[in-house]
Amino acid sequence: MSSVNGVTMSLDDAATKPHDRLADHLADDMEKVNLLIRARMASQHAPRIPEVTAHLVEAGGKRLRPMLTLAAARMCGYGGPYHVHLAATVEFIHTATLLHDDVVDESTQRRGRPTANLLWDNKSSVLVGDYLFARSFQLMTETGSMRVMGILSNASAVIAEGEVLQLTAAQDLATDEGIYLQVIRGKTAALFSAATEVGGVIAGAPEDQVQALHAYGDALGIAFQIVDDLLDYGGLSEVIGKNVGDDFRERKLTLPVIKAVALADATERAFWERVIEKGDQREGDLQQALALMQKHGTLQATRAEALDWAARARAALEVLPPHPLRGMLADLADYVVARVA
């Protein structure tokens, strides 16, 4: 059970239903997005491209980011065709980053399936990711909106910057919560906020509503990533689509660990230096790490921060016009944090 905004709810109530309602409401638009994705991921000369792309695109992801674009556009009264192009653009950017991430992280599982780099190779994953980035830029130019192109191209740069920052901050116990926020705002929240913002822009929404959509996406993306990092130390593998403890084994400084390091005594700090900085991990170290997090309450503190960002996301929607989709987007913030009941 999870308590969000004072209401106790099960994962089914707080998570599945809001997302399903959003998917049902946008079903016609999402069908067009999926058709466009399949058409544009094709390659006349390189059959490896659709093979690799289809493996990830059709792996059962929730298509959350493109739905945010569609919802923002529809909520702001858009009736044209280009929200579909933008939603497909957002999904291509997201898929490209996943292909690249799995190579960088040497991952073996994504969305509960073997990663593309494991089934094919690193070269294929990197090059197909590059292809999808190029396709995304082709799609966004078809809207004819320079502002939209500016938002999405900037988001692509910020995502890459966030990934590089994470790479340089990894395995360094000096990484603090400020750096962590920079990393997740770059690698995750940037695409969430761009997805919602371009929906408002293409709809010609007033500037205060466009900025509210950006703020909503930013806060939602931060909450989403904090929860994802928390689940790595307390979720089920089949729920999160990756192996529990992956971040620990990859020596990533995520928020639960950063908080535990900040509260560590000399003996505990020596443990963190050994397993994170030196990479000397032994049998039982993951359990020891979890015990230290429980001792200092860092898992609970991390969840509290996720709840705070979800509340900020909900608050950002208040300036937007009354619409069924506004309520669904507010519930989506609850869906994100309900995963860590």
C-alpha atoms as a PDB file:
ATOM      1  CA  MET A   1       0.000   0.000   0.000  1.00  0.00           C
ATOM      2  CA  SER A   2       1.102   3.576  -0.605  1.00  0.00           C
ATOM      3  CA  SER A   3      -0.041   6.898   0.829  1.00  0.00           C
ATOM      4  CA  VAL A   4       0.064   9.727  -1.697  1.00  0.00           C
ATOM      5  CA  ASN A   5      -1.318  13.158  -0.865  1.00  0.00           C
ATOM      6  CA  GLY A   6      -2.904  11.656   2.230  1.00  0.00           C
ATOM      7  CA  VAL A   7      -4.754   8.925   0.314  1.00  0.00           C
ATOM      8  CA  THR A   8      -3.827   5.284   0.866  1.00  0.00           C
ATOM      9  CA  MET A   9      -3.908   3.248  -2.303  1.00  0.00           C
ATOM     10  CA  SER A  10      -2.671  -0.029  -3.728  1.00  0.00           C
ATOM     11  CA  LEU A  11      -0.257  -0.184  -6.641  1.00  0.00           C
ATOM     12  CA  ASP A  12      -3.158  -1.214  -8.877  1.00  0.00           C
ATOM     13  CA  ASP A  13      -5.219   1.799  -7.807  1.00  0.00           C
ATOM     14  CA  ALA A  14      -2.429   4.382  -7.833  1.00  0.00           C
ATOM     15  CA  ALA A  15      -0.298   3.123 -10.667  1.00  0.00           C
ATOM     16  CA  THR A  16      -1.935   0.908 -13.243  1.00  0.00           C
ATOM     17  CA  LYS A  17      -5.296   2.644 -13.494  1.00  0.00           C
ATOM     18  CA  PRO A  18      -4.066   6.229 -14.063  1.00  0.00           C
ATOM     19  CA  HIS A  19      -1.678   5.067 -16.761  1.00  0.00           C
ATOM     20  CA  ASP A  20      -4.323   2.850 -18.344  1.00  0.00           C
ATOM     21  CA  ARG A  21      -6.860   5.685 -18.329  1.00  0.00           C
ATOM     22  CA  LEU A  22      -4.355   7.909 -20.085  1.00  0.00           C
ATOM     23  CA  ALA A  23      -3.593   5.188 -22.630  1.00  0.00           C
ATOM     24  CA  ASP A  24      -7.307   4.592 -23.267  1.00  0.00           C
ATOM     25  CA  HIS A  25      -8.005   8.305 -23.696  1.00  0.00           C
ATOM     26  CA  LEU A  26      -5.151   8.658 -26.183  1.00  0.00           C
ATOM     27  CA  ALA A  27      -5.600   5.292 -27.913  1.00  0.00           C
ATOM     28  CA  ASP A  28      -6.362   6.696 -31.377  1.00  0.00           C
ATOM     29  CA  ASP A  29      -3.421   9.081 -31.260  1.00  0.00           C
ATOM     30  CA  MET A  30      -1.089   6.383 -29.926  1.00  0.00           C
ATOM     31  CA  GLU A  31      -2.072   4.061 -32.761  1.00  0.00           C
ATOM     32  CA  LYS A  32      -0.965   6.773 -35.192  1.00  0.00           C
ATOM     33  CA  VAL A  33       2.265   7.240 -33.238  1.00  0.00           C
ATOM     34  CA  ASN A  34       3.017   3.516 -33.331  1.00  0.00           C
ATOM     35  CA  LEU A  35       2.350   3.358 -37.066  1.00  0.00           C
ATOM     36  CA  LEU A  36       4.660   6.312 -37.637  1.00  0.00           C
ATOM     37  CA  ILE A  37       7.370   4.768 -35.461  1.00  0.00           C
ATOM     38  CA  ARG A  38       7.229   1.499 -37.394  1.00  0.00           C
ATOM     39  CA  ALA A  39       7.346   3.339 -40.719  1.00  0.00           C
ATOM     40  CA  ARG A  40      10.274   5.562 -39.757  1.00  0.00           C
ATOM     41  CA  MET A  41      12.388   2.894 -38.071  1.00  0.00           C
ATOM     42  CA  ALA A  42      12.557   1.031 -41.379  1.00  0.00           C
ATOM     43  CA  SER A  43      15.720   1.063 -43.460  1.00  0.00           C
ATOM     44  CA  GLN A  44      15.931   0.213 -47.136  1.00  0.00           C
ATOM     45  CA  HIS A  45      19.602  -0.721 -46.999  1.00  0.00           C
ATOM     46  CA  ALA A  46      20.348  -1.902 -43.440  1.00  0.00           C
ATOM     47  CA  PRO A  47      17.930  -4.565 -42.126  1.00  0.00           C
ATOM     48  CA  ARG A  48      19.814  -4.668 -38.826  1.00  0.00           C
ATOM     49  CA  ILE A  49      18.289  -1.267 -37.961  1.00  0.00           C
ATOM     50  CA  PRO A  50      14.617  -2.361 -37.762  1.00  0.00           C
ATOM     51  CA  GLU A  51      15.662  -5.639 -36.120  1.00  0.00           C
ATOM     52  CA  VAL A  52      17.441  -3.889 -33.251  1.00  0.00           C
ATOM     53  CA  THR A  53      14.873  -1.103 -32.968  1.00  0.00           C
ATOM     54  CA  ALA A  54      11.900  -3.475 -32.958  1.00  0.00           C
ATOM     55  CA  HIS A  55      13.495  -5.546 -30.200  1.00  0.00           C
ATOM     56  CA  LEU A  56      13.398  -2.549 -27.874  1.00  0.00           C
ATOM     57  CA  VAL A  57      10.431  -0.552 -29.182  1.00  0.00           C
ATOM     58  CA  GLU A  58       8.135  -3.586 -29.090  1.00  0.00           C
ATOM     59  CA  ALA A  59       9.388  -4.905 -25.745  1.00  0.00           C
ATOM     60  CA  GLY A  60       6.328  -3.722 -23.841  1.00  0.00           C
ATOM     61  CA  GLY A  61       7.411  -0.286 -22.660  1.00  0.00           C
ATOM     62  CA  LYS A  62       4.615   1.970 -21.427  1.00  0.00           C
ATOM     63  CA  ARG A  63       5.272   4.694 -24.045  1.00  0.00           C
ATOM     64  CA  LEU A  64       4.974   7.171 -21.189  1.00  0.00           C
ATOM     65  CA  ARG A  65       6.976   9.991 -22.777  1.00  0.00           C
ATOM     66  CA  PRO A  66       5.103  10.138 -26.101  1.00  0.00           C
ATOM     67  CA  MET A  67       1.814   9.979 -24.209  1.00  0.00           C
ATOM     68  CA  LEU A  68       2.914  13.044 -22.250  1.00  0.00           C
ATOM     69  CA  THR A  69       3.352  14.925 -25.525  1.00  0.00           C
ATOM     70  CA  LEU A  70      -0.036  13.833 -26.829  1.00  0.00           C
ATOM     71  CA  ALA A  71      -1.759  14.639 -23.536  1.00  0.00           C
ATOM     72  CA  ALA A  72      -0.190  18.105 -23.301  1.00  0.00           C
ATOM     73  CA  ALA A  73      -1.191  18.964 -26.869  1.00  0.00           C
ATOM     74  CA  ARG A  74      -4.755  17.685 -26.529  1.00  0.00           C
ATOM     75  CA  MET A  75      -5.226  19.325 -23.137  1.00  0.00           C
ATOM     76  CA  CYS A  76      -4.257  22.656 -24.712  1.00  0.00           C
ATOM     77  CA  GLY A  77      -6.796  22.208 -27.504  1.00  0.00           C
ATOM     78  CA  TYR A  78      -4.584  21.062 -30.373  1.00  0.00           C
ATOM     79  CA  GLY A  79      -6.409  19.572 -33.356  1.00  0.00           C
ATOM     80  CA  GLY A  80      -3.644  19.249 -35.941  1.00  0.00           C
ATOM     81  CA  PRO A  81      -1.457  16.278 -36.939  1.00  0.00           C
ATOM     82  CA  TYR A  82       1.965  17.253 -35.649  1.00  0.00           C
ATOM     83  CA  HIS A  83       1.567  16.129 -32.041  1.00  0.00           C
ATOM     84  CA  VAL A  84       1.884  12.618 -33.490  1.00  0.00           C
ATOM     85  CA  HIS A  85       5.210  13.532 -35.120  1.00  0.00           C
ATOM     86  CA  LEU A  86       6.452  15.016 -31.864  1.00  0.00           C
ATOM     87  CA  ALA A  87       5.378  11.997 -29.817  1.00  0.00           C
ATOM     88  CA  ALA A  88       7.237   9.691 -32.214  1.00  0.00           C
ATOM     89  CA  THR A  89      10.246  12.010 -32.030  1.00  0.00           C
ATOM     90  CA  VAL A  90      10.279  11.781 -28.245  1.00  0.00           C
ATOM     91  CA  GLU A  91      10.063   7.981 -28.355  1.00  0.00           C
ATOM     92  CA  PHE A  92      12.915   7.767 -30.877  1.00  0.00           C
ATOM     93  CA  ILE A  93      15.119   9.974 -28.699  1.00  0.00           C
ATOM     94  CA  HIS A  94      14.269   7.861 -25.663  1.00  0.00           C
ATOM     95  CA  THR A  95      14.960   4.584 -27.482  1.00  0.00           C
ATOM     96  CA  ALA A  96      18.273   5.909 -28.809  1.00  0.00           C
ATOM     97  CA  THR A  97      19.397   6.820 -25.296  1.00  0.00           C
ATOM     98  CA  LEU A  98      18.448   3.352 -24.020  1.00  0.00           C
ATOM     99  CA  LEU A  99      20.518   1.665 -26.714  1.00  0.00           C
ATOM    100  CA  HIS A 100      23.504   3.840 -25.842  1.00  0.00           C
ATOM    101  CA  ASP A 101      22.975   3.470 -22.074  1.00  0.00           C
ATOM    102  CA  ASP A 102      23.040  -0.318 -22.244  1.00  0.00           C
ATOM    103  CA  VAL A 103      26.411  -0.196 -23.973  1.00  0.00           C
ATOM    104  CA  VAL A 104      27.853   2.290 -21.470  1.00  0.00           C
ATOM    105  CA  ASP A 105      26.458   0.361 -18.484  1.00  0.00           C
ATOM    106  CA  GLU A 106      27.251  -3.058 -19.990  1.00  0.00           C
ATOM    107  CA  SER A 107      23.667  -4.044 -19.163  1.00  0.00           C
ATOM    108  CA  THR A 108      22.227  -7.450 -19.987  1.00  0.00           C
ATOM    109  CA  GLN A 109      18.524  -6.849 -19.292  1.00  0.00           C
ATOM    110  CA  ARG A 110      16.105  -4.115 -20.387  1.00  0.00           C
ATOM    111  CA  ARG A 111      12.324  -4.203 -19.928  1.00  0.00           C
ATOM    112  CA  GLY A 112      12.653  -7.784 -18.751  1.00  0.00           C
ATOM    113  CA  ARG A 113      14.409  -8.925 -21.940  1.00  0.00           C
ATOM    114  CA  PRO A 114      18.044  -9.352 -23.012  1.00  0.00           C
ATOM    115  CA  THR A 115      19.526  -6.052 -24.160  1.00  0.00           C
ATOM    116  CA  ALA A 116      20.232  -5.352 -27.820  1.00  0.00           C
ATOM    117  CA  ASN A 117      23.970  -5.161 -27.200  1.00  0.00           C
ATOM    118  CA  LEU A 118      23.829  -8.666 -25.709  1.00  0.00           C
ATOM    119  CA  LEU A 119      21.794 -10.132 -28.593  1.00  0.00           C
ATOM    120  CA  TRP A 120      23.734  -8.338 -31.319  1.00  0.00           C
ATOM    121  CA  ASP A 121      26.787  -6.328 -30.281  1.00  0.00           C
ATOM    122  CA  ASN A 122      27.866  -2.941 -28.964  1.00  0.00           C
ATOM    123  CA  LYS A 123      28.574  -1.569 -32.425  1.00  0.00           C
ATOM    124  CA  SER A 124      25.047  -2.318 -33.614  1.00  0.00           C
ATOM    125  CA  SER A 125      23.491  -0.737 -30.517  1.00  0.00           C
ATOM    126  CA  VAL A 126      25.524   2.461 -30.841  1.00  0.00           C
ATOM    127  CA  LEU A 127      24.971   2.855 -34.576  1.00  0.00           C
ATOM    128  CA  VAL A 128      21.248   2.084 -34.450  1.00  0.00           C
ATOM    129  CA  GLY A 129      20.948   4.575 -31.599  1.00  0.00           C
ATOM    130  CA  ASP A 130      22.647   7.154 -33.821  1.00  0.00           C
ATOM    131  CA  TYR A 131      20.199   6.321 -36.607  1.00  0.00           C
ATOM    132  CA  LEU A 132      17.220   6.878 -34.301  1.00  0.00           C
ATOM    133  CA  PHE A 133      18.597  10.233 -33.185  1.00  0.00           C
ATOM    134  CA  ALA A 134      18.861  11.225 -36.854  1.00  0.00           C
ATOM    135  CA  ARG A 135      15.322  10.022 -37.517  1.00  0.00           C
ATOM    136  CA  SER A 136      14.060  12.036 -34.564  1.00  0.00           C
ATOM    137  CA  PHE A 137      15.493  15.213 -36.060  1.00  0.00           C
ATOM    138  CA  GLN A 138      13.887  14.434 -39.416  1.00  0.00           C
ATOM    139  CA  LEU A 139      10.528  14.071 -37.687  1.00  0.00           C
ATOM    140  CA  MET A 140      10.746  17.239 -35.633  1.00  0.00           C
ATOM    141  CA  THR A 141      11.655  19.366 -38.660  1.00  0.00           C
ATOM    142  CA  GLU A 142       8.429  18.264 -40.364  1.00  0.00           C
ATOM    143  CA  THR A 143       6.463  20.290 -37.810  1.00  0.00           C
ATOM    144  CA  GLY A 144       7.955  23.507 -39.192  1.00  0.00           C
ATOM    145  CA  SER A 145       8.295  24.924 -35.668  1.00  0.00           C
ATOM    146  CA  MET A 146      11.706  26.365 -34.854  1.00  0.00           C
ATOM    147  CA  ARG A 147      10.790  26.567 -31.175  1.00  0.00           C
ATOM    148  CA  VAL A 148       9.895  22.881 -31.068  1.00  0.00           C
ATOM    149  CA  MET A 149      13.176  22.015 -32.774  1.00  0.00           C
ATOM    150  CA  GLY A 150      15.045  24.167 -30.278  1.00  0.00           C
ATOM    151  CA  ILE A 151      13.404  22.483 -27.281  1.00  0.00           C
ATOM    152  CA  LEU A 152      14.002  18.925 -28.490  1.00  0.00           C
ATOM    153  CA  SER A 153      17.531  19.506 -29.793  1.00  0.00           C
ATOM    154  CA  ASN A 154      18.439  21.187 -26.504  1.00  0.00           C
ATOM    155  CA  ALA A 155      16.958  18.256 -24.590  1.00  0.00           C
ATOM    156  CA  SER A 156      19.078  15.835 -26.642  1.00  0.00           C
ATOM    157  CA  ALA A 157      22.224  17.774 -25.730  1.00  0.00           C
ATOM    158  CA  VAL A 158      21.241  17.969 -22.049  1.00  0.00           C
ATOM    159  CA  ILE A 159      20.579  14.213 -21.950  1.00  0.00           C
ATOM    160  CA  ALA A 160      24.053  13.491 -23.319  1.00  0.00           C
ATOM    161  CA  GLU A 161      25.560  15.994 -20.883  1.00  0.00           C
ATOM    162  CA  GLY A 162      23.772  14.302 -17.982  1.00  0.00           C
ATOM    163  CA  GLU A 163      25.084  10.898 -19.012  1.00  0.00           C
ATOM    164  CA  VAL A 164      28.654  12.202 -19.225  1.00  0.00           C
ATOM    165  CA  LEU A 165      28.285  13.898 -15.836  1.00  0.00           C
ATOM    166  CA  GLN A 166      27.072  10.607 -14.375  1.00  0.00           C
ATOM    167  CA  LEU A 167      30.076   8.860 -15.906  1.00  0.00           C
ATOM    168  CA  THR A 168      32.526  11.310 -14.341  1.00  0.00           C
ATOM    169  CA  ALA A 169      30.699  11.353 -10.986  1.00  0.00           C
ATOM    170  CA  ALA A 170      30.403   7.568 -10.781  1.00  0.00           C
ATOM    171  CA  GLN A 171      32.506   5.741  -8.220  1.00  0.00           C
ATOM    172  CA  ASP A 172      33.398   9.037  -6.529  1.00  0.00           C
ATOM    173  CA  LEU A 173      32.146   9.336  -2.955  1.00  0.00           C
ATOM    174  CA  ALA A 174      32.494  13.114  -3.224  1.00  0.00           C
ATOM    175  CA  THR A 175      29.380  13.081  -5.413  1.00  0.00           C
ATOM    176  CA  ASP A 176      26.707  14.897  -3.417  1.00  0.00           C
ATOM    177  CA  GLU A 177      22.962  15.377  -3.744  1.00  0.00           C
ATOM    178  CA  GLY A 178      23.409  18.527  -5.832  1.00  0.00           C
ATOM    179  CA  ILE A 179      25.446  16.677  -8.451  1.00  0.00           C
ATOM    180  CA  TYR A 180      22.977  13.779  -8.346  1.00  0.00           C
ATOM    181  CA  LEU A 181      20.105  16.167  -9.087  1.00  0.00           C
ATOM    182  CA  GLN A 182      22.057  17.608 -12.024  1.00  0.00           C
ATOM    183  CA  VAL A 183      22.595  14.100 -13.382  1.00  0.00           C
ATOM    184  CA  ILE A 184      18.984  12.960 -13.195  1.00  0.00           C
ATOM    185  CA  ARG A 185      17.620  16.294 -14.383  1.00  0.00           C
ATOM    186  CA  GLY A 186      19.825  15.812 -17.436  1.00  0.00           C
ATOM    187  CA  LYS A 187      19.570  12.135 -18.219  1.00  0.00           C
ATOM    188  CA  THR A 188      15.870  11.660 -17.359  1.00  0.00           C
ATOM    189  CA  ALA A 189      13.890  14.808 -16.566  1.00  0.00           C
ATOM    190  CA  ALA A 190      15.099  16.724 -19.641  1.00  0.00           C
ATOM    191  CA  LEU A 191      13.131  14.481 -21.994  1.00  0.00           C
ATOM    192  CA  PHE A 192      10.052  14.437 -19.736  1.00  0.00           C
ATOM    193  CA  SER A 193       9.970  18.244 -19.632  1.00  0.00           C
ATOM    194  CA  ALA A 194      10.649  18.569 -23.365  1.00  0.00           C
ATOM    195  CA  ALA A 195       7.889  16.042 -24.102  1.00  0.00           C
ATOM    196  CA  THR A 196       5.275  18.026 -22.207  1.00  0.00           C
ATOM    197  CA  GLU A 197       6.557  21.449 -23.256  1.00  0.00           C
ATOM    198  CA  VAL A 198       6.468  20.772 -27.012  1.00  0.00           C
ATOM    199  CA  GLY A 199       2.882  19.564 -26.671  1.00  0.00           C
ATOM    200  CA  GLY A 200       1.915  22.973 -25.354  1.00  0.00           C
ATOM    201  CA  VAL A 201       4.014  24.811 -27.931  1.00  0.00           C
ATOM    202  CA  ILE A 202       2.557  22.975 -30.940  1.00  0.00           C
ATOM    203  CA  ALA A 203      -0.922  23.716 -29.563  1.00  0.00           C
ATOM    204  CA  GLY A 204      -0.172  27.442 -29.352  1.00  0.00           C
ATOM    205  CA  ALA A 205      -0.869  27.502 -25.615  1.00  0.00           C
ATOM    206  CA  PRO A 206      -0.242  30.698 -23.598  1.00  0.00           C
ATOM    207  CA  GLU A 207       3.298  31.018 -22.287  1.00  0.00           C
ATOM    208  CA  ASP A 208       2.338  30.466 -18.650  1.00  0.00           C
ATOM    209  CA  GLN A 209       0.764  27.140 -19.606  1.00  0.00           C
ATOM    210  CA  VAL A 210       3.793  26.118 -21.672  1.00  0.00           C
ATOM    211  CA  GLN A 211       6.064  26.853 -18.713  1.00  0.00           C
ATOM    212  CA  ALA A 212       3.721  24.949 -16.392  1.00  0.00           C
ATOM    213  CA  LEU A 213       3.928  21.923 -18.680  1.00  0.00           C
ATOM    214  CA  HIS A 214       7.724  22.171 -18.634  1.00  0.00           C
ATOM    215  CA  ALA A 215       7.719  22.361 -14.822  1.00  0.00           C
ATOM    216  CA  TYR A 216       5.368  19.379 -14.609  1.00  0.00           C
ATOM    217  CA  GLY A 217       7.561  17.247 -16.856  1.00  0.00           C
ATOM    218  CA  ASP A 218      10.712  18.260 -14.995  1.00  0.00           C
ATOM    219  CA  ALA A 219       9.290  17.362 -11.576  1.00  0.00           C
ATOM    220  CA  LEU A 220       7.696  14.158 -12.862  1.00  0.00           C
ATOM    221  CA  GLY A 221      10.962  13.068 -14.472  1.00  0.00           C
ATOM    222  CA  ILE A 222      12.948  13.726 -11.302  1.00  0.00           C
ATOM    223  CA  ALA A 223      10.429  11.779  -9.203  1.00  0.00           C
ATOM    224  CA  PHE A 224      10.497   8.962 -11.773  1.00  0.00           C
ATOM    225  CA  GLN A 225      14.292   8.630 -11.661  1.00  0.00           C
ATOM    226  CA  ILE A 226      14.517   8.847  -7.869  1.00  0.00           C
ATOM    227  CA  VAL A 227      11.973   6.034  -7.631  1.00  0.00           C
ATOM    228  CA  ASP A 228      13.839   4.001 -10.260  1.00  0.00           C
ATOM    229  CA  ASP A 229      17.050   4.369  -8.261  1.00  0.00           C
ATOM    230  CA  LEU A 230      15.226   3.422  -5.069  1.00  0.00           C
ATOM    231  CA  LEU A 231      13.685   0.338  -6.660  1.00  0.00           C
ATOM    232  CA  ASP A 232      17.170  -0.930  -7.437  1.00  0.00           C
ATOM    233  CA  TYR A 233      17.527  -1.539  -3.703  1.00  0.00           C
ATOM    234  CA  GLY A 234      14.039  -2.725  -2.933  1.00  0.00           C
ATOM    235  CA  GLY A 235      12.037  -3.696  -6.000  1.00  0.00           C
ATOM    236  CA  LEU A 236      11.293  -6.939  -7.765  1.00  0.00           C
ATOM    237  CA  SER A 237      13.246  -7.621 -10.937  1.00  0.00           C
ATOM    238  CA  GLU A 238      10.091  -8.404 -12.908  1.00  0.00           C
ATOM    239  CA  VAL A 239       8.547  -5.100 -11.800  1.00  0.00           C
ATOM    240  CA  ILE A 240      11.410  -2.819 -12.765  1.00  0.00           C
ATOM    241  CA  GLY A 241      12.666  -4.782 -15.773  1.00  0.00           C
ATOM    242  CA  LYS A 242      16.246  -5.007 -14.574  1.00  0.00           C
ATOM    243  CA  ASN A 243      18.193  -6.972 -12.009  1.00  0.00           C
ATOM    244  CA  VAL A 244      17.910  -5.749  -8.418  1.00  0.00           C
ATOM    245  CA  GLY A 245      21.280  -4.413  -7.286  1.00  0.00           C
ATOM    246  CA  ASP A 246      22.481  -3.478 -10.784  1.00  0.00           C
ATOM    247  CA  ASP A 247      23.299   0.078  -9.699  1.00  0.00           C
ATOM    248  CA  PHE A 248      25.289  -1.238  -6.736  1.00  0.00           C
ATOM    249  CA  ARG A 249      27.247  -3.670  -8.901  1.00  0.00           C
ATOM    250  CA  GLU A 250      27.895  -0.885 -11.424  1.00  0.00           C
ATOM    251  CA  ARG A 251      29.091   1.313  -8.507  1.00  0.00           C
ATOM    252  CA  LYS A 252      26.638   4.119  -9.260  1.00  0.00           C
ATOM    253  CA  LEU A 253      26.213   6.893  -6.709  1.00  0.00           C
ATOM    254  CA  THR A 254      22.423   7.121  -6.551  1.00  0.00           C
ATOM    255  CA  LEU A 255      20.467   8.978  -3.885  1.00  0.00           C
ATOM    256  CA  PRO A 256      20.056   6.148  -1.326  1.00  0.00           C
ATOM    257  CA  VAL A 257      23.821   5.539  -1.376  1.00  0.00           C
ATOM    258  CA  ILE A 258      24.745   9.239  -1.353  1.00  0.00           C
ATOM    259  CA  LYS A 259      22.602   9.740   1.750  1.00  0.00           C
ATOM    260  CA  ALA A 260      24.132   6.674   3.443  1.00  0.00           C
ATOM    261  CA  VAL A 261      27.678   7.855   2.698  1.00  0.00           C
ATOM    262  CA  ALA A 262      26.897  11.294   4.141  1.00  0.00           C
ATOM    263  CA  LEU A 263      25.804   9.664   7.429  1.00  0.00           C
ATOM    264  CA  ALA A 264      28.523   6.999   7.553  1.00  0.00           C
ATOM    265  CA  ASP A 265      30.982   6.585  10.411  1.00  0.00           C
ATOM    266  CA  ALA A 266      34.617   5.705   9.700  1.00  0.00           C
ATOM    267  CA  THR A 267      33.995   1.961   9.437  1.00  0.00           C
ATOM    268  CA  GLU A 268      30.993   2.420   7.177  1.00  0.00           C
ATOM    269  CA  ARG A 269      32.844   4.888   4.981  1.00  0.00           C
ATOM    270  CA  ALA A 270      35.648   2.351   4.560  1.00  0.00           C
ATOM    271  CA  PHE A 271      33.023  -0.125   3.352  1.00  0.00           C
ATOM    272  CA  TRP A 272      31.666   2.345   0.788  1.00  0.00           C
ATOM    273  CA  GLU A 273      35.185   3.210  -0.381  1.00  0.00           C
ATOM    274  CA  ARG A 274      35.932  -0.475  -0.931  1.00  0.00           C
ATOM    275  CA  VAL A 275      32.748  -1.400  -2.800  1.00  0.00           C
ATOM    276  CA  ILE A 276      32.127   1.841  -4.737  1.00  0.00           C
ATOM    277  CA  GLU A 277      35.454   3.589  -5.272  1.00  0.00           C
ATOM    278  CA  LYS A 278      37.742   0.547  -5.419  1.00  0.00           C
ATOM    279  CA  GLY A 279      35.192  -1.854  -6.887  1.00  0.00           C
ATOM    280  CA  ASP A 280      36.197  -4.622  -4.491  1.00  0.00           C
ATOM    281  CA  GLN A 281      32.788  -6.236  -4.080  1.00  0.00           C
ATOM    282  CA  ARG A 282      32.371  -9.526  -2.269  1.00  0.00           C
ATOM    283  CA  GLU A 283      29.634 -11.982  -1.400  1.00  0.00           C
ATOM    284  CA  GLY A 284      27.138 -10.344   0.944  1.00  0.00           C
ATOM    285  CA  ASP A 285      28.166  -6.758   0.181  1.00  0.00           C
ATOM    286  CA  LEU A 286      24.796  -5.864  -1.353  1.00  0.00           C
ATOM    287  CA  GLN A 287      23.062  -7.080   1.801  1.00  0.00           C
ATOM    288  CA  GLN A 288      25.503  -5.044   3.904  1.00  0.00           C
ATOM    289  CA  ALA A 289      24.796  -1.954   1.811  1.00  0.00           C
ATOM    290  CA  LEU A 290      21.059  -2.461   2.312  1.00  0.00           C
ATOM    291  CA  ALA A 291      21.575  -2.870   6.059  1.00  0.00           C
ATOM    292  CA  LEU A 292      23.443   0.446   6.237  1.00  0.00           C
ATOM    293  CA  MET A 293      20.706   2.194   4.275  1.00  0.00           C
ATOM    294  CA  GLN A 294      18.105   0.773   6.633  1.00  0.00           C
ATOM    295  CA  LYS A 295      20.175   1.826   9.648  1.00  0.00           C
ATOM    296  CA  HIS A 296      20.319   5.449   8.512  1.00  0.00           C
ATOM    297  CA  GLY A 297      16.813   5.549   7.029  1.00  0.00           C
ATOM    298  CA  THR A 298      18.092   6.577   3.608  1.00  0.00           C
ATOM    299  CA  LEU A 299      15.579   4.481   1.676  1.00  0.00           C
ATOM    300  CA  GLN A 300      12.724   6.198   3.506  1.00  0.00           C
ATOM    301  CA  ALA A 301      14.350   9.618   3.052  1.00  0.00           C
ATOM    302  CA  THR A 302      14.784   8.962  -0.666  1.00  0.00           C
ATOM    303  CA  ARG A 303      11.133   7.976  -0.984  1.00  0.00           C
ATOM    304  CA  ALA A 304      10.135  11.190   0.808  1.00  0.00           C
ATOM    305  CA  GLU A 305      12.039  13.217  -1.787  1.00  0.00           C
ATOM    306  CA  ALA A 306      10.279  11.357  -4.596  1.00  0.00           C
ATOM    307  CA  LEU A 307       6.931  12.178  -2.986  1.00  0.00           C
ATOM    308  CA  ASP A 308       7.922  15.841  -2.769  1.00  0.00           C
ATOM    309  CA  TRP A 309       8.790  16.008  -6.471  1.00  0.00           C
ATOM    310  CA  ALA A 310       5.535  14.242  -7.355  1.00  0.00           C
ATOM    311  CA  ALA A 311       3.653  16.878  -5.350  1.00  0.00           C
ATOM    312  CA  ARG A 312       5.495  19.607  -7.277  1.00  0.00           C
ATOM    313  CA  ALA A 313       4.424  17.978 -10.528  1.00  0.00           C
ATOM    314  CA  ARG A 314       0.786  18.003  -9.456  1.00  0.00           C
ATOM    315  CA  ALA A 315       1.003  21.627  -8.329  1.00  0.00           C
ATOM    316  CA  ALA A 316       2.438  22.727 -11.685  1.00  0.00           C
ATOM    317  CA  LEU A 317      -0.757  21.605 -13.425  1.00  0.00           C
ATOM    318  CA  GLU A 318      -2.960  24.035 -11.514  1.00  0.00           C
ATOM    319  CA  VAL A 319      -2.559  26.850 -14.069  1.00  0.00           C
ATOM    320  CA  LEU A 320      -3.723  24.620 -16.922  1.00  0.00           C
ATOM    321  CA  PRO A 321      -7.345  24.633 -18.121  1.00  0.00           C
ATOM    322  CA  PRO A 322      -9.832  22.138 -16.653  1.00  0.00           C
ATOM    323  CA  HIS A 323      -9.666  18.959 -18.715  1.00  0.00           C
ATOM    324  CA  PRO A 324      -9.960  15.214 -18.052  1.00  0.00           C
ATOM    325  CA  LEU A 325      -6.339  14.838 -19.148  1.00  0.00           C
ATOM    326  CA  ARG A 326      -5.191  17.241 -16.451  1.00  0.00           C
ATOM    327  CA  GLY A 327      -6.540  14.896 -13.797  1.00  0.00           C
ATOM    328  CA  MET A 328      -4.881  11.936 -15.486  1.00  0.00           C
ATOM    329  CA  LEU A 329      -1.529  13.715 -15.546  1.00  0.00           C
ATOM    330  CA  ALA A 330      -1.918  14.548 -11.859  1.00  0.00           C
ATOM    331  CA  ASP A 331      -2.679  10.897 -11.131  1.00  0.00           C
ATOM    332  CA  LEU A 332       0.374   9.934 -13.153  1.00  0.00           C
ATOM    333  CA  ALA A 333       2.546  11.617 -10.533  1.00  0.00           C
ATOM    334  CA  ASP A 334       0.937   9.321  -7.956  1.00  0.00           C
ATOM    335  CA  TYR A 335       1.587   6.354 -10.250  1.00  0.00           C
ATOM    336  CA  VAL A 336       5.297   7.117 -10.286  1.00  0.00           C
ATOM    337  CA  VAL A 337       5.737   7.153  -6.518  1.00  0.00           C
ATOM    338  CA  ALA A 338       3.290   4.312  -5.828  1.00  0.00           C
ATOM    339  CA  ARG A 339       5.902   1.941  -7.248  1.00  0.00           C
ATOM    340  CA  VAL A 340       7.768   2.286  -3.940  1.00  0.00           C
ATOM    341  CA  ALA A 341       4.866   1.570  -1.606  1.00  0.00           C
END
